[in-house]
Structures are given as C-alpha cells and as structure tokens.
C-alpha cells in the first residue's frame, strides 16, 4: 500500500512539473481524500494551493476535512474570505466546529458573516456547547422520519435527503415537536412490505445521549453497545443531532494521546510533533522535570541525613538504584492498569476495596520474587547476611508501597477532579523514590542497629 501511494505521489509530482494540469486533475480525482490530504501536508504553499484548486469541489471539501493543524490553516489563508466561507459552508457540522475551534476569534467572526443564515445558526449553536461535550461534535445532518410514514413514504423521503446527510443507514423517528421516538435501520425499511408503518419497524427505546454528556463517556457508551451512530437530545428530549463512529474514533485517539503524554510527564500537545515549535516542546516538558527535580531534593536530603549509616555500611549504597527503580517501576505498572481500567469504565469507586486487596497481594508476590534476587546479589557481592536481610525486607516493603501508590494516587486524582494520568509516570516514580529510601534506611537502622 505504501509503495503504491509513493508511486502515485511521484506520478502527480511529475505531471505538475510538466504542467500537464488536466491529467493531474484526472489522477487526483481517482484518489482517496485521506491520501490527497497526506500529500498536501508538508508541501510548499504554492504547490499545496495549486493541487487543491485542481480538485473537484466535492472532493476538495472532503480533503479539507481530513487536513488538520497548521497545514489546513495555511491553505485557508490562501483563499479569499468568500472562497473560505464557501468551503466551510459545505463542510459537515462537526468538522466545521472543530475547524472554527482552532482558528483565531477574529478569523472565525469574518467567516461566520459569509455563511448562510441556516449554517451560521447551526455553527453558533454547536460552538456554544461545552468544549468536551457531545453537543460539540454532533452533526444535524441526519435522516428524520415520522412514525406514521409507510415504508414507501420513508424510502422516498430518504432518496430526497440522502446526499446531504452524514449517514442514511440509521434513521431517526420524531414527533411533531421533534422529540425522539425511535430509530430504524435502513435495512429493515428495505426488507419490509411497502405498506408497513415505520412505527412497527422502529426501536422505540433507543440508546441516546444528552448534549452535555462528556465525550469520553459517549465513546464508552458507543463501544459498549457497538453503535455506529448515536442520537443526541436536549433537555426536553428533542433530537438535535447525531454522533457517528468516525468522530468517536477521533475522540479515543485524542484522549489516548493526552493520557500517554501526561503519563510521561508532558503537558498535552495540541499539534502534530513536527508542526510544534521547539520552544513549545521544551515548555511542555519542562514543568514536570522541574517538579521532579524539586522532589528529588528530598532524596538528597535523606541521603545526607543517613550519611553516618552509609559511612558505617557502605554496601547499603550498592542497592539504592535497584531498590528505587523496582518501587518506581512497580508503581508505574500499577497506575497504568488503574488508569486504563478507569478510562474503560472497568474500575469504579465501588471497586476500590477489591482493587486495593488484589494489588496488595500482587505487590507482596512481586516483592518476594525480587527479594530472592536481591539476596542472591548481596551474597555474590559479599556484603554479609545483615545487608542481604535488609535488602530483602526493603524490596518487599518498597514494591508493596509502589503497587499501592499506583492504586491510591489515581483514585485520589479523580476525587480531586484531576486527570488520573497526571499522577502516573514521573510523579509516582518520584514519590516512591522518596518513600523507598525512608523505608530502606529505617529497616537498616532497625536490623543493623545503625545510628
């Protein structure tokens, strides 16, 4: 597939160089919008604009919807306000909302003035919903039917409306006040007898969501019920839009990316890596590095406090990296499992007791396994029995603490209305490092009688 695309891109490049524009236009018209979008990203501005203007109008709209970030804004800047408004007018409601979210307020205001009154009304309504809500990503381009329609009437209505709608495979049944009454699949309509009423075919208790529902919760709901489209209603149960599975995939990808970044101690980056400035990248990563440095100062202070113990038994220092790495890695593993379970809805507040006990038992098992290795290593280094016992007991304790920290901190973050991913990675590692050293030297003091 990659080789085929590269050959196609090279063919179009050659046609452009030879100024064979009619042939270029014909070649472009056979390509998928996503592939054209990929070709445009990173191209010089003049080339990008030329290719875009060679596209048929419908294909150009789809290509523009696939583009994102600075590439799309750069292309938009090459159009007149009227041309830009014409493109935005034809975009699907949800993609247009996403684009307007990215643009400066001054630009949005100018573009909105060029939209038709109907599209301007839709755009304003969607932009007024909370940023991460279902209402922000829904589209009003759906097929609406009445329960009193026959199959014949419904099919005629679908034929008239189909080309301008996001999907026709699921239709939505409403009453006169546009309240949602049911959903019916196109397949059921096609297979039914001509005089069958839609009310006899529809599911009168469909899964639906409110405009204010969080997008992550919406994604979980669609995954749970294996839906490719879900209706969105307002507080009065009036159907105001639908969300399709492709929009949910975008949400899942964005949320997963944000979680990975936070778990690595990076503030979420809005643009693609290569589109993000070096100073922005450094700034996104510096915050947590500074936090880690400040907290690691506690580690240094602790080592200073136990200087006499270290001088008495230098062998204790041999195992500090082993100890804190084991605890930090265990905590990161545990927190990753917790965050994943919370994100998928598998772990709730009611499960905290059961989860705590499972991770405590798991921590003891892991600690015991690592303690055996620690004892073996201490013996091979000739550190003596006392140090081997200290290392073994400390490893069990630190791994257990790390495992339980990986459970407690994500739950605590959720209780404080923070993203649990924030407390993973560097944060947990740093916390467990400090606590681990406290435990290590505390156990050494007790067992070896150090002062």
Protein backbone atom coordinates (compact mmCIF):
# COMPACT_ATOMS: atom_id res chain seq x y z
CA UNK A 1 0.00 0.00 0.00
CA UNK A 2 2.79 2.43 0.93
CA UNK A 3 4.69 1.68 -2.26
CA UNK A 4 1.57 2.24 -4.36
CA UNK A 5 0.96 5.63 -2.74
CA UNK A 6 4.58 6.69 -3.21
CA UNK A 7 4.38 5.81 -6.90
CA UNK A 8 1.15 7.76 -7.23
CA UNK A 9 2.60 10.81 -5.45
CA UNK A 10 5.65 10.69 -7.74
CA UNK A 11 3.38 10.46 -10.80
CA UNK A 12 1.43 13.55 -9.74
CA UNK A 13 4.66 15.40 -8.96
CA UNK A 14 5.92 14.65 -12.46
CA UNK A 15 2.65 15.80 -14.07
CA UNK A 16 2.83 19.08 -12.14
CA UNK A 17 6.42 19.69 -13.17
CA UNK A 18 5.43 19.16 -16.82
CA UNK A 19 2.41 21.48 -16.39
CA UNK A 20 0.03 18.73 -17.50
CA UNK A 21 -2.80 20.04 -15.34
CA UNK A 22 -5.79 18.25 -16.98
CA UNK A 23 -4.05 14.90 -16.45
CA UNK A 24 -3.14 15.90 -12.90
CA UNK A 25 -6.78 16.72 -12.18
CA UNK A 26 -7.88 13.36 -13.58
CA UNK A 27 -5.30 11.48 -11.49
CA UNK A 28 -6.30 13.34 -8.33
CA UNK A 29 -10.00 12.58 -8.85
CA UNK A 30 -9.26 8.84 -8.55
CA UNK A 31 -7.53 9.20 -5.17
CA UNK A 32 -8.95 8.91 -1.66
CA UNK A 33 -9.36 12.19 0.28
CA UNK A 34 -7.12 10.95 3.10
CA UNK A 35 -4.29 10.19 0.64
CA UNK A 36 -4.54 13.61 -1.01
CA UNK A 37 -4.54 15.22 2.43
CA UNK A 38 -1.34 13.35 3.31
CA UNK A 39 0.27 14.54 0.09
CA UNK A 40 -0.63 18.16 0.78
CA UNK A 41 0.73 18.19 4.33
CA UNK A 42 4.30 19.46 4.27
CA UNK A 43 4.15 20.55 0.62
CA UNK A 44 5.24 24.08 -0.29
CA UNK A 45 2.36 26.51 -0.05
CA UNK A 46 2.22 27.24 -3.79
CA UNK A 47 2.11 23.55 -4.65
CA UNK A 48 -0.50 22.84 -1.97
CA UNK A 49 -2.81 25.58 -3.24
CA UNK A 50 -2.38 24.50 -6.87
CA UNK A 51 -3.27 20.88 -6.14
CA UNK A 52 -6.23 21.90 -4.00
CA UNK A 53 -7.62 24.15 -6.74
CA UNK A 54 -7.39 21.29 -9.26
CA UNK A 55 -9.70 19.13 -7.15
CA UNK A 56 -13.42 18.78 -7.94
CA UNK A 57 -15.46 20.73 -5.41
CA UNK A 58 -16.91 17.75 -3.50
CA UNK A 59 -13.51 16.06 -3.29
CA UNK A 60 -11.87 19.33 -2.20
CA UNK A 61 -14.30 19.59 0.73
CA UNK A 62 -13.52 16.03 1.86
CA UNK A 63 -9.76 16.64 1.56
CA UNK A 64 -10.05 19.82 3.59
CA UNK A 65 -11.97 17.96 6.30
CA UNK A 66 -9.15 15.40 6.54
CA UNK A 67 -6.46 18.05 6.95
CA UNK A 68 -5.60 19.44 10.36
CA UNK A 69 -3.27 21.76 12.19
CA UNK A 70 -1.06 24.37 10.54
CA UNK A 71 -1.41 22.80 7.07
CA UNK A 72 -5.14 23.45 6.99
CA UNK A 73 -4.76 26.97 8.37
CA UNK A 74 -2.07 27.75 5.79
CA UNK A 75 -4.33 26.55 2.99
CA UNK A 76 -7.24 28.54 4.38
CA UNK A 77 -5.10 31.67 4.47
CA UNK A 78 -4.55 31.41 0.71
CA UNK A 79 -8.27 31.81 -0.03
CA UNK A 80 -10.37 34.94 -0.15
CA UNK A 81 -12.94 35.24 2.62
CA UNK A 82 -15.68 34.28 0.17
CA UNK A 83 -13.79 31.17 -1.01
CA UNK A 84 -13.05 30.13 2.56
CA UNK A 85 -16.68 30.63 3.57
CA UNK A 86 -17.85 28.55 0.60
CA UNK A 87 -15.66 25.64 1.71
CA UNK A 88 -16.73 25.94 5.33
CA UNK A 89 -20.39 26.18 4.29
CA UNK A 90 -20.15 22.74 2.65
CA UNK A 91 -18.25 21.06 5.48
CA UNK A 92 -20.07 18.68 7.81
CA UNK A 93 -21.24 20.36 11.01
CA UNK A 94 -18.87 18.52 13.34
CA UNK A 95 -15.76 19.05 11.18
CA UNK A 96 -16.62 22.72 10.77
CA UNK A 97 -16.97 23.15 14.52
CA UNK A 98 -13.56 21.53 15.06
CA UNK A 99 -12.02 23.89 12.50
CA UNK A 100 -13.60 27.03 13.96
CA UNK A 101 -12.32 25.96 17.38
CA UNK A 102 -8.75 26.07 16.06
CA UNK A 103 -8.96 29.45 14.30
CA UNK A 104 -8.43 32.88 15.90
CA UNK A 105 -11.65 34.54 17.08
CA UNK A 106 -11.21 37.41 14.59
CA UNK A 107 -11.00 34.97 11.66
CA UNK A 108 -14.00 33.00 12.88
CA UNK A 109 -16.08 36.17 13.11
CA UNK A 110 -15.27 37.11 9.50
CA UNK A 111 -16.02 33.62 8.17
CA UNK A 112 -19.31 33.39 10.05
CA UNK A 113 -20.51 36.55 8.34
CA UNK A 114 -20.19 34.84 4.94
CA UNK A 115 -22.13 31.71 5.93
CA UNK A 116 -25.78 31.30 5.00
CA UNK A 117 -28.19 32.16 7.85
CA UNK A 118 -29.08 28.49 8.37
CA UNK A 119 -25.47 27.27 8.53
CA UNK A 120 -24.48 30.23 10.72
CA UNK A 121 -27.24 29.31 13.16
CA UNK A 122 -26.04 25.68 13.31
CA UNK A 123 -22.39 26.74 13.73
CA UNK A 124 -23.22 29.15 16.55
CA UNK A 125 -25.33 26.56 18.35
CA UNK A 126 -22.60 23.90 18.24
CA UNK A 127 -19.89 26.34 19.34
CA UNK A 128 -21.97 27.28 22.39
CA UNK A 129 -21.90 23.74 23.81
CA UNK A 130 -19.20 22.88 26.40
CA UNK A 131 -15.84 22.10 24.81
CA UNK A 132 -15.69 18.36 25.57
CA UNK A 133 -19.42 17.64 25.31
CA UNK A 134 -21.39 15.50 22.86
CA UNK A 135 -23.06 18.65 21.52
CA UNK A 136 -19.70 19.98 20.34
CA UNK A 137 -19.05 17.05 17.97
CA UNK A 138 -22.55 16.21 16.78
CA UNK A 139 -23.96 16.97 13.35
CA UNK A 140 -27.52 17.89 12.38
CA UNK A 141 -27.19 16.02 9.07
CA UNK A 142 -29.41 13.02 9.80
CA UNK A 143 -32.49 11.41 8.26
CA UNK A 144 -35.63 12.22 10.26
CA UNK A 145 -38.81 10.18 9.79
CA UNK A 146 -42.32 10.16 11.25
CA UNK A 147 -43.83 7.12 12.93
CA UNK A 148 -46.96 7.40 10.71
CA UNK A 149 -44.95 7.05 7.48
CA UNK A 150 -45.21 3.87 5.43
CA UNK A 151 -42.14 2.15 4.04
CA UNK A 152 -42.87 3.66 0.62
CA UNK A 153 -43.10 7.17 2.05
CA UNK A 154 -39.93 6.67 4.08
CA UNK A 155 -37.87 5.45 1.11
CA UNK A 156 -38.99 8.42 -0.99
CA UNK A 157 -38.02 10.77 1.82
CA UNK A 158 -34.61 9.07 2.22
CA UNK A 159 -33.90 9.36 -1.52
CA UNK A 160 -34.61 13.09 -1.44
CA UNK A 161 -32.42 13.73 1.63
CA UNK A 162 -29.63 11.16 1.32
CA UNK A 163 -26.96 13.17 -0.50
CA UNK A 164 -26.81 15.91 2.12
CA UNK A 165 -26.79 13.65 5.20
CA UNK A 166 -23.95 12.21 7.28
CA UNK A 167 -25.45 8.71 7.25
CA UNK A 168 -28.59 7.04 5.90
CA UNK A 169 -28.09 3.58 7.38
CA UNK A 170 -29.86 4.56 10.60
CA UNK A 171 -32.89 6.84 10.53
CA UNK A 172 -34.45 8.67 13.48
CA UNK A 173 -38.16 8.84 14.22
CA UNK A 174 -39.56 12.04 15.78
CA UNK A 175 -42.95 13.51 16.65
CA UNK A 176 -44.15 16.98 15.66
CA UNK A 177 -42.15 18.62 18.45
CA UNK A 178 -39.01 16.79 17.21
CA UNK A 179 -38.87 14.61 20.32
CA UNK A 180 -37.02 11.35 19.69
CA UNK A 181 -39.42 8.41 19.46
CA UNK A 182 -37.26 5.70 18.00
CA UNK A 183 -34.64 4.59 15.48
CA UNK A 184 -34.95 2.31 12.48
CA UNK A 185 -32.26 0.78 10.26
CA UNK A 186 -32.39 1.26 6.51
CA UNK A 187 -32.02 -2.49 6.09
CA UNK A 188 -35.28 -3.10 7.99
CA UNK A 189 -37.08 -0.50 5.86
CA UNK A 190 -35.87 -2.05 2.59
CA UNK A 191 -36.83 -5.59 3.63
CA UNK A 192 -40.30 -4.65 4.95
CA UNK A 193 -43.56 -4.70 2.99
CA UNK A 194 -44.38 -1.39 1.21
CA UNK A 195 -47.39 -0.54 3.39
CA UNK A 196 -45.70 -1.34 6.72
CA UNK A 197 -45.68 1.61 9.12
CA UNK A 198 -42.37 2.91 10.43
CA UNK A 199 -43.81 2.69 13.94
CA UNK A 200 -43.93 -1.10 13.52
CA UNK A 201 -40.26 -1.28 12.50
CA UNK A 202 -38.59 1.17 14.84
CA UNK A 203 -36.84 0.53 18.15
CA UNK A 204 -38.91 2.71 20.47
CA UNK A 205 -36.32 2.70 23.29
CA UNK A 206 -33.07 3.67 21.57
CA UNK A 207 -29.78 4.36 23.31
CA UNK A 208 -29.27 8.13 23.24
CA UNK A 209 -27.23 10.83 24.99
CA UNK A 210 -27.69 14.42 26.16
CA UNK A 211 -25.88 17.30 24.52
CA UNK A 212 -23.94 17.87 27.75
CA UNK A 213 -22.54 14.33 28.07
CA UNK A 214 -18.74 14.16 28.22
CA UNK A 215 -17.15 12.91 25.01
CA UNK A 216 -15.18 10.15 26.76
CA UNK A 217 -18.37 8.81 28.33
CA UNK A 218 -20.04 8.99 24.92
CA UNK A 219 -17.22 6.93 23.38
CA UNK A 220 -17.55 4.28 26.11
CA UNK A 221 -21.31 4.11 25.55
CA UNK A 222 -20.98 3.60 21.79
CA UNK A 223 -18.32 0.93 22.36
CA UNK A 224 -20.47 -0.84 24.97
CA UNK A 225 -23.48 -1.12 22.68
CA UNK A 226 -21.47 -1.49 19.44
CA UNK A 227 -23.17 1.51 17.80
CA UNK A 228 -22.03 3.21 14.60
CA UNK A 229 -24.24 6.24 15.28
CA UNK A 230 -26.00 7.60 18.37
CA UNK A 231 -28.73 10.26 18.64
CA UNK A 232 -28.15 13.39 20.76
CA UNK A 233 -31.11 15.05 22.50
CA UNK A 234 -31.54 18.25 24.51
CA UNK A 235 -33.03 18.56 27.99
CA UNK A 236 -36.55 18.30 26.53
CA UNK A 237 -35.71 15.09 24.62
CA UNK A 238 -35.77 16.86 21.27
CA UNK A 239 -33.42 15.37 18.70
CA UNK A 240 -30.77 17.98 17.89
CA UNK A 241 -28.08 15.87 16.22
CA UNK A 242 -26.17 12.61 15.90
CA UNK A 243 -22.61 11.46 16.58
CA UNK A 244 -21.03 8.91 14.23
CA UNK A 245 -18.34 6.34 14.96
CA UNK A 246 -15.65 8.19 12.98
CA UNK A 247 -15.97 11.16 15.33
CA UNK A 248 -15.71 8.82 18.32
CA UNK A 249 -12.54 7.27 16.91
CA UNK A 250 -11.03 10.75 16.77
CA UNK A 251 -12.00 11.31 20.41
CA UNK A 252 -10.49 8.00 21.53
CA UNK A 253 -7.26 8.79 19.69
CA UNK A 254 -7.03 12.29 21.18
CA UNK A 255 -7.78 11.12 24.73
CA UNK A 256 -5.33 8.22 24.48
CA UNK A 257 -2.63 10.58 23.20
CA UNK A 258 -3.27 13.02 26.06
CA UNK A 259 -3.10 10.21 28.62
CA UNK A 260 0.17 8.90 27.20
CA UNK A 261 1.66 12.40 27.27
CA UNK A 262 0.55 13.06 30.86
CA UNK A 263 1.80 9.66 31.99
CA UNK A 264 5.21 10.58 30.55
CA UNK A 265 5.18 13.93 32.36
CA UNK A 266 4.39 16.02 29.27
CA UNK A 267 1.64 18.61 29.07
CA UNK A 268 -0.71 17.68 26.18
CA UNK A 269 0.48 18.97 22.79
CA UNK A 270 -2.33 20.20 20.52
CA UNK A 271 -0.47 20.00 17.21
CA UNK A 272 1.47 17.25 15.48
CA UNK A 273 5.07 16.82 16.64
CA UNK A 274 6.68 18.26 13.50
CA UNK A 275 4.26 21.22 13.50
CA UNK A 276 5.13 22.14 17.09
CA UNK A 277 7.88 24.67 17.77
CA UNK A 278 10.99 23.65 19.70
CA UNK A 279 10.32 26.22 22.45
CA UNK A 280 6.76 24.90 22.83
CA UNK A 281 8.02 21.32 23.08
CA UNK A 282 10.56 22.31 25.71
CA UNK A 283 7.96 24.25 27.69
CA UNK A 284 5.52 21.31 27.65
CA UNK A 285 8.19 19.01 29.07
CA UNK A 286 9.95 21.35 31.48
CA UNK A 287 7.17 21.70 34.07
CA UNK A 288 7.22 18.11 35.31
CA UNK A 289 11.01 17.94 35.07
CA UNK A 290 11.21 20.91 37.45
CA UNK A 291 8.71 19.24 39.79
CA UNK A 292 10.79 16.06 39.74
CA UNK A 293 13.99 17.98 40.49
CA UNK A 294 12.39 19.74 43.45
CA UNK A 295 11.03 16.49 44.88
CA UNK A 296 14.32 14.69 44.26
CA UNK A 297 15.88 17.30 46.55
CA UNK A 298 14.13 15.36 49.31
CA UNK A 299 16.05 12.27 48.23
CA UNK A 300 19.35 14.14 48.51
CA UNK A 301 18.38 15.46 51.94
CA UNK A 302 17.50 11.96 53.05
CA UNK A 303 20.83 10.57 51.92
CA UNK A 304 22.56 13.42 53.76
CA UNK A 305 20.52 12.65 56.91
CA UNK A 306 21.63 9.00 56.81
CA UNK A 307 25.25 9.85 55.98
CA UNK A 308 26.56 8.19 59.15
CA UNK A 309 24.70 4.97 58.35
CA UNK A 310 26.09 4.97 54.82
CA UNK A 311 29.63 5.55 56.12
CA UNK A 312 29.20 2.67 58.60
CA UNK A 313 27.95 0.21 55.97
CA UNK A 314 28.97 1.43 52.52
CA UNK A 315 27.43 -1.71 50.98
CA UNK A 316 23.97 -0.23 51.59
CA UNK A 317 24.57 2.20 48.72
CA UNK A 318 25.05 -0.68 46.26
CA UNK A 319 21.33 -1.45 46.35
CA UNK A 320 19.79 2.05 46.30
CA UNK A 321 19.32 2.17 42.47
CA UNK A 322 17.91 -1.38 42.47
CA UNK A 323 15.53 -0.54 45.28
CA UNK A 324 14.12 2.75 43.99
CA UNK A 325 13.90 1.51 40.38
CA UNK A 326 11.92 -1.54 41.47
CA UNK A 327 9.49 0.54 43.53
CA UNK A 328 9.06 3.24 40.87
CA UNK A 329 8.53 0.77 38.04
CA UNK A 330 6.03 -1.23 40.09
CA UNK A 331 4.09 1.93 40.90
CA UNK A 332 4.02 2.95 37.23
CA UNK A 333 2.78 -0.50 36.21
CA UNK A 334 0.03 -0.45 38.83
CA UNK A 335 -1.09 3.10 37.99
CA UNK A 336 -1.19 2.28 34.27
CA UNK A 337 -3.55 -0.63 34.96
CA UNK A 338 -5.71 1.60 37.18
CA UNK A 339 -5.90 4.44 34.64
CA UNK A 340 -6.75 2.06 31.82
CA UNK A 341 -9.48 0.44 33.92
CA UNK A 342 -10.91 3.85 34.86
CA UNK A 343 -10.85 5.05 31.26
CA UNK A 344 -12.70 1.94 30.04
CA UNK A 345 -15.18 2.08 32.93
CA UNK A 346 -13.96 -1.27 34.31
CA UNK A 347 -12.88 0.21 37.66
CA UNK A 348 -15.23 2.43 39.68
CA UNK A 349 -15.29 3.82 43.22
CA UNK A 350 -17.19 0.75 44.40
CA UNK A 351 -14.28 -1.47 43.38
CA UNK A 352 -11.58 0.34 45.39
CA UNK A 353 -11.55 -2.17 48.28
CA UNK A 354 -11.27 -5.17 45.99
CA UNK A 355 -8.65 -3.47 43.83
CA UNK A 356 -6.62 -2.48 46.91
CA UNK A 357 -6.53 -6.06 48.20
CA UNK A 358 -5.63 -7.50 44.78
CA UNK A 359 -2.76 -5.06 44.32
CA UNK A 360 -1.54 -5.61 47.90
CA UNK A 361 -1.34 -9.36 47.29
CA UNK A 362 0.26 -8.79 43.86
CA UNK A 363 2.79 -6.40 45.44
CA UNK A 364 3.76 -8.99 48.04
CA UNK A 365 4.26 -11.63 45.37
CA UNK A 366 6.37 -9.33 43.18
CA UNK A 367 8.34 -8.09 46.21
CA UNK A 368 9.09 -11.64 47.34
CA UNK A 369 10.31 -12.64 43.87
CA UNK A 370 12.57 -9.60 43.64
CA UNK A 371 13.78 -10.13 47.24
CA UNK A 372 15.14 -13.55 46.27
CA UNK A 373 17.18 -11.93 43.52
CA UNK A 374 18.29 -9.18 45.94
CA UNK A 375 19.53 -11.73 48.47
CA UNK A 376 21.39 -13.62 45.77
CA UNK A 377 23.01 -10.41 44.56
CA UNK A 378 24.01 -9.38 48.11
CA UNK A 379 25.63 -12.77 48.72
CA UNK A 380 27.57 -12.67 45.45
CA UNK A 381 28.86 -9.18 46.37
CA UNK A 382 29.96 -10.45 49.77
CA UNK A 383 28.06 -7.79 51.72
CA UNK A 384 27.16 -10.04 54.62
CA UNK A 385 23.95 -11.56 55.95
CA UNK A 386 22.68 -8.38 57.64
CA UNK A 387 22.75 -6.37 54.40
CA UNK A 388 21.10 -9.27 52.49
CA UNK A 389 18.23 -9.34 55.02
CA UNK A 390 17.83 -5.53 54.87
CA UNK A 391 17.70 -5.63 51.07
CA UNK A 392 15.17 -8.48 51.03
CA UNK A 393 12.80 -6.91 53.56
CA UNK A 394 13.14 -3.47 51.98
CA UNK A 395 12.35 -4.79 48.49
CA UNK A 396 9.15 -6.45 49.68
CA UNK A 397 8.11 -3.26 51.51
CA UNK A 398 9.02 -0.83 48.71
CA UNK A 399 7.42 -2.87 45.92
CA UNK A 400 4.27 -3.21 48.03
CA UNK A 401 4.24 0.55 48.68
CA UNK A 402 4.80 1.29 44.99
CA UNK A 403 1.98 -1.02 43.97
CA UNK A 404 -0.46 0.54 46.45
CA UNK A 405 0.62 4.06 45.50
CA UNK A 406 -0.29 3.16 41.92
CA UNK A 407 -3.81 2.40 43.16
CA UNK A 408 -4.33 5.23 45.63
CA UNK A 409 -2.96 8.18 43.65
CA UNK A 410 -5.19 7.74 40.53
CA UNK A 411 -8.27 7.42 42.77
CA UNK A 412 -7.17 10.49 44.74
CA UNK A 413 -6.69 12.44 41.49
CA UNK A 414 -10.16 11.52 40.32
CA UNK A 415 -11.63 12.56 43.69
CA UNK A 416 -9.94 15.96 43.29
CA UNK A 417 -11.27 16.20 39.69
CA UNK A 418 -7.83 15.85 38.08
CA UNK A 419 -7.00 13.57 35.18
CA UNK A 420 -5.62 10.37 36.83
CA UNK A 421 -2.94 10.18 34.10
CA UNK A 422 -1.27 13.21 35.70
CA UNK A 423 -0.16 11.18 38.73
CA UNK A 424 1.41 8.41 36.69
CA UNK A 425 4.94 8.16 35.32
CA UNK A 426 7.40 10.68 36.78
CA UNK A 427 5.14 11.69 39.67
CA UNK A 428 4.64 8.20 41.08
CA UNK A 429 8.29 7.30 40.46
CA UNK A 430 9.45 10.35 42.41
CA UNK A 431 7.07 9.74 45.31
CA UNK A 432 8.05 6.09 45.59
CA UNK A 433 11.76 7.01 45.39
CA UNK A 434 11.47 9.26 48.44
CA UNK A 435 9.31 6.85 50.43
CA UNK A 436 11.50 3.92 49.39
CA UNK A 437 14.65 5.50 50.79
CA UNK A 438 12.86 6.30 54.04
CA UNK A 439 11.79 2.65 54.34
CA UNK A 440 15.22 1.31 53.32
CA UNK A 441 17.22 3.24 55.88
CA UNK A 442 14.53 2.76 58.50
CA UNK A 443 14.74 -1.03 58.09
CA UNK A 444 18.56 -0.88 58.00
CA UNK A 445 18.56 1.10 61.27
CA UNK A 446 16.31 -1.45 62.96
CA UNK A 447 18.01 -4.62 61.72
CA UNK A 448 21.63 -3.48 61.80
CA UNK A 449 21.41 -1.14 64.78
CA UNK A 450 22.76 1.86 62.88
CA UNK A 451 22.61 5.32 64.39
